[in-house]
């Protein structure tokens, strides 16, 4: 699933500019034109990161950030502050209330996306979906494309997620329970034998291209993706 990024910005042109760039980068943008509305959104669904404008009507960004950091259920949400204030003491004020990064307007949308990815890599690396390649095998998680030797491979959504997890963690042995936790999350109805079923399906998908041997069984321990 793409990371949910909440944008809290009262200037609609900036709000839409950020949202468009987030969408193009594989994220799911959520919009709020003030802190009060953002508070309602956060109460219903915790975002993976918040892009927060300092100067908002009503409750300002600093006050909203303080509220988030005082709440046990929201205090770990990463925050990137946006502001027209460039003085060092203003920057320190934003960082002191718990912001993870700070950008001064006007800003480059590309730089903002880069900073969002950098923060997510530190806080929630599994949410950063970037193309990955190991030798002849290429996988793009944003476009859901898998290729081997430039030829497209048809693959199911679960097998896709499983392969992406392995390709991000080459040569590391994972137990069935670890794979369940990382790929399926907290779906308690799934048992560890489900992993075996999807490993077989994944190997079947990769068989024609000869890449099925990359998914190795380590007897008594689990599975790994062989980078060689």
Protein backbone atom coordinates (compact mmCIF):
# COMPACT_ATOMS: atom_id res chain seq x y z
CA UNK A 1 0.00 0.00 0.00
CA UNK A 2 1.29 3.52 -0.79
CA UNK A 3 2.17 5.72 2.16
CA UNK A 4 -0.57 8.15 3.22
CA UNK A 5 0.78 11.72 3.36
CA UNK A 6 -1.42 14.36 4.99
CA UNK A 7 -0.91 17.88 3.60
CA UNK A 8 -2.08 20.67 5.90
CA UNK A 9 -1.95 23.87 3.84
CA UNK A 10 -4.46 26.74 3.52
CA UNK A 11 -3.18 27.97 0.13
CA UNK A 12 -5.07 25.76 -2.31
CA UNK A 13 -2.57 26.18 -5.15
CA UNK A 14 0.28 24.96 -2.96
CA UNK A 15 -1.90 22.20 -1.53
CA UNK A 16 -2.72 20.87 -5.01
CA UNK A 17 0.86 21.25 -6.23
CA UNK A 18 2.12 19.08 -3.37
CA UNK A 19 -0.72 16.57 -3.83
CA UNK A 20 -0.01 16.16 -7.56
CA UNK A 21 3.69 15.59 -6.96
CA UNK A 22 2.97 13.10 -4.17
CA UNK A 23 0.61 11.16 -6.44
CA UNK A 24 3.17 11.08 -9.24
CA UNK A 25 5.77 9.77 -6.77
CA UNK A 26 3.60 6.85 -5.68
CA UNK A 27 2.18 8.29 -2.45
CA UNK A 28 -1.44 8.74 -1.43
CA UNK A 29 -2.09 12.45 -0.67
CA UNK A 30 -4.64 13.48 1.97
CA UNK A 31 -5.71 17.14 2.06
CA UNK A 32 -6.63 19.54 4.86
CA UNK A 33 -6.96 23.33 4.57
CA UNK A 34 -6.61 23.93 8.32
CA UNK A 35 -5.43 22.22 11.48
CA UNK A 36 -8.95 21.62 12.79
CA UNK A 37 -9.87 19.59 9.71
CA UNK A 38 -6.51 17.82 9.82
CA UNK A 39 -7.21 16.85 13.43
CA UNK A 40 -10.43 15.12 12.33
CA UNK A 41 -8.60 13.26 9.56
CA UNK A 42 -5.89 12.06 11.95
CA UNK A 43 -8.59 10.94 14.39
CA UNK A 44 -10.04 8.66 11.72
CA UNK A 45 -6.85 7.36 10.06
CA UNK A 46 -3.25 7.88 11.18
CA UNK A 47 -1.17 9.13 8.21
CA UNK A 48 2.38 7.93 7.60
CA UNK A 49 3.70 11.51 7.46
CA UNK A 50 2.34 15.06 7.72
CA UNK A 51 3.45 18.03 5.60
CA UNK A 52 2.41 20.89 7.86
CA UNK A 53 2.26 24.62 7.08
CA UNK A 54 3.29 26.89 9.94
CA UNK A 55 0.96 29.82 9.19
CA UNK A 56 -2.57 28.41 9.24
CA UNK A 57 -5.86 30.18 10.02
CA UNK A 58 -7.17 29.35 13.48
CA UNK A 59 -4.83 26.85 15.11
CA UNK A 60 -1.35 27.36 13.66
CA UNK A 61 1.04 24.60 12.63
CA UNK A 62 3.18 24.84 15.75
CA UNK A 63 0.18 24.38 18.05
CA UNK A 64 -1.10 21.46 15.97
CA UNK A 65 2.33 19.82 16.04
CA UNK A 66 2.41 20.19 19.84
CA UNK A 67 -0.98 18.48 20.12
CA UNK A 68 0.15 15.61 17.94
CA UNK A 69 3.31 15.07 19.96
CA UNK A 70 1.39 15.14 23.27
CA UNK A 71 -0.96 12.36 22.12
CA UNK A 72 0.38 8.80 22.51
CA UNK A 73 -1.40 7.60 19.36
CA UNK A 74 -0.03 10.38 17.12
CA UNK A 75 3.30 11.38 18.66
CA UNK A 76 5.32 9.15 16.32
CA UNK A 77 3.90 10.61 13.08
CA UNK A 78 6.78 12.26 11.18
CA UNK A 79 6.24 15.97 10.43
CA UNK A 80 7.81 18.21 7.80
CA UNK A 81 7.11 21.91 8.46
CA UNK A 82 6.51 24.41 5.64
CA UNK A 83 6.86 28.11 6.34
CA UNK A 84 7.76 31.51 4.94
CA UNK A 85 9.83 32.07 8.11
CA UNK A 86 13.52 31.56 7.45
CA UNK A 87 15.12 32.84 10.64
CA UNK A 88 17.13 30.28 12.59
CA UNK A 89 15.09 30.69 15.79
CA UNK A 90 11.90 29.93 13.84
CA UNK A 91 13.48 26.81 12.42
CA UNK A 92 14.58 25.73 15.89
CA UNK A 93 11.08 26.36 17.24
CA UNK A 94 9.63 24.01 14.64
CA UNK A 95 12.21 21.31 15.32
CA UNK A 96 11.83 21.69 19.08
CA UNK A 97 8.12 20.83 18.95
CA UNK A 98 8.97 17.58 17.22
CA UNK A 99 9.17 18.34 13.49
CA UNK A 100 11.50 16.00 11.61
CA UNK A 101 12.41 18.45 8.87
CA UNK A 102 11.78 22.03 7.80
CA UNK A 103 11.37 23.74 4.42
CA UNK A 104 11.11 27.45 3.66
CA UNK A 105 8.72 28.76 1.01
CA UNK A 106 9.09 28.99 -1.90
CA UNK A 107 10.36 25.44 -2.24
CA UNK A 108 11.02 22.89 -4.95
CA UNK A 109 8.36 20.14 -5.08
CA UNK A 110 11.10 17.68 -6.10
CA UNK A 111 13.13 18.60 -3.02
CA UNK A 112 10.06 18.19 -0.82
CA UNK A 113 9.44 14.70 -2.24
CA UNK A 114 13.10 13.84 -1.65
CA UNK A 115 12.84 15.01 1.96
CA UNK A 116 9.62 13.05 2.50
CA UNK A 117 11.36 9.92 1.24
CA UNK A 118 14.38 10.61 3.44
CA UNK A 119 12.22 10.99 6.56
CA UNK A 120 10.23 7.85 5.73
CA UNK A 121 13.43 5.90 5.19
CA UNK A 122 14.41 6.74 8.75
CA UNK A 123 10.99 6.36 10.32
CA UNK A 124 9.18 3.79 8.14
CA UNK A 125 11.45 2.41 5.40
CA UNK A 126 8.79 -0.06 4.25
CA UNK A 127 6.66 2.87 3.06
CA UNK A 128 9.21 4.13 0.54
CA UNK A 129 8.31 2.42 -2.71
CA UNK A 130 11.11 2.75 -5.23
CA UNK A 131 12.04 0.62 -8.25
CA UNK A 132 14.62 -2.04 -7.55
CA UNK A 133 16.79 -4.21 -9.76
CA UNK A 134 18.94 -7.30 -9.17
CA UNK A 135 20.87 -8.24 -12.30
CA UNK A 136 18.22 -9.09 -14.94
CA UNK A 137 15.22 -8.84 -12.58
CA UNK A 138 13.49 -5.43 -12.43
CA UNK A 139 10.55 -4.54 -10.17
CA UNK A 140 8.64 -1.24 -10.03
CA UNK A 141 6.28 -1.17 -7.01
CA UNK A 142 4.56 2.05 -8.11
CA UNK A 143 3.56 0.76 -11.56
CA UNK A 144 3.28 -2.88 -10.40
CA UNK A 145 5.65 -4.01 -13.15
CA UNK A 146 7.98 -7.00 -12.99
CA UNK A 147 10.43 -7.73 -15.81
CA UNK A 148 13.21 -10.20 -16.47
CA UNK A 149 15.60 -9.53 -19.36
CA UNK A 150 13.25 -6.66 -20.33
CA UNK A 151 10.30 -9.06 -20.72
CA UNK A 152 7.23 -8.49 -18.56
CA UNK A 153 6.26 -11.22 -16.09
CA UNK A 154 2.65 -11.74 -15.02
CA UNK A 155 2.44 -12.00 -11.24
CA UNK A 156 -0.27 -11.85 -8.57
CA UNK A 157 -0.42 -8.96 -6.07
CA UNK A 158 0.64 -11.02 -3.04
CA UNK A 159 3.52 -12.65 -4.91
CA UNK A 160 4.54 -9.17 -6.08
CA UNK A 161 4.69 -7.90 -2.48
CA UNK A 162 6.58 -11.01 -1.43
CA UNK A 163 9.18 -10.63 -4.17
CA UNK A 164 9.59 -6.91 -3.44
CA UNK A 165 10.26 -7.73 0.20
CA UNK A 166 12.88 -10.32 -0.77
CA UNK A 167 14.55 -8.05 -3.31
CA UNK A 168 14.84 -5.29 -0.72
CA UNK A 169 16.52 -7.73 1.65
CA UNK A 170 18.78 -9.95 -0.47
CA UNK A 171 20.72 -12.88 1.04
CA UNK A 172 18.97 -12.54 4.41
CA UNK A 173 17.23 -15.65 5.74
CA UNK A 174 13.69 -14.98 7.00
CA UNK A 175 11.52 -17.37 8.96
CA UNK A 176 7.90 -17.90 7.93
CA UNK A 177 6.72 -15.80 10.86
CA UNK A 178 9.03 -12.94 9.94
CA UNK A 179 7.77 -13.02 6.35
CA UNK A 180 4.17 -13.05 7.58
CA UNK A 181 4.84 -10.03 9.75
CA UNK A 182 6.60 -8.02 7.04
CA UNK A 183 4.42 -8.92 4.05
CA UNK A 184 0.99 -9.64 5.53
CA UNK A 185 1.21 -7.43 8.63
CA UNK A 186 -1.09 -8.22 11.53
CA UNK A 187 -3.65 -10.34 9.68
CA UNK A 188 -4.06 -12.93 12.42
CA UNK A 189 -6.19 -15.25 10.25
CA UNK A 190 -3.13 -16.00 8.09
CA UNK A 191 -0.98 -18.94 9.24
CA UNK A 192 2.65 -19.61 8.44
CA UNK A 193 1.86 -22.33 5.87
CA UNK A 194 0.37 -19.57 3.72
CA UNK A 195 3.95 -18.45 3.11
CA UNK A 196 4.80 -21.83 1.57
CA UNK A 197 1.83 -21.59 -0.80
CA UNK A 198 2.79 -18.12 -2.02
CA UNK A 199 6.48 -19.03 -2.29
CA UNK A 200 5.46 -21.85 -4.66
CA UNK A 201 3.28 -19.44 -6.67
CA UNK A 202 6.12 -16.94 -6.81
CA UNK A 203 8.53 -19.58 -8.10
CA UNK A 204 5.96 -20.61 -10.72
CA UNK A 205 5.77 -16.99 -11.91
CA UNK A 206 9.56 -16.81 -12.22
CA UNK A 207 10.06 -20.25 -13.76
CA UNK A 208 9.87 -19.33 -17.45
CA UNK A 209 12.52 -16.63 -17.04
CA UNK A 210 14.75 -18.94 -14.99
CA UNK A 211 14.59 -16.68 -11.94
CA UNK A 212 12.79 -19.18 -9.70
CA UNK A 213 16.15 -20.38 -8.35
CA UNK A 214 16.65 -16.98 -6.73
CA UNK A 215 14.05 -17.91 -4.10
CA UNK A 216 15.88 -20.41 -1.94
CA UNK A 217 14.63 -22.65 0.85
CA UNK A 218 16.95 -22.82 3.85
CA UNK A 219 16.00 -26.04 5.62
CA UNK A 220 14.84 -25.53 9.18
CA UNK A 221 15.13 -21.73 8.96
CA UNK A 222 12.99 -20.29 6.19
CA UNK A 223 13.60 -18.57 2.84
CA UNK A 224 15.94 -16.08 1.25
CA UNK A 225 16.45 -14.24 -2.03
CA UNK A 226 19.78 -15.22 -3.59
CA UNK A 227 21.41 -12.15 -5.07
CA UNK A 228 24.06 -14.11 -7.03
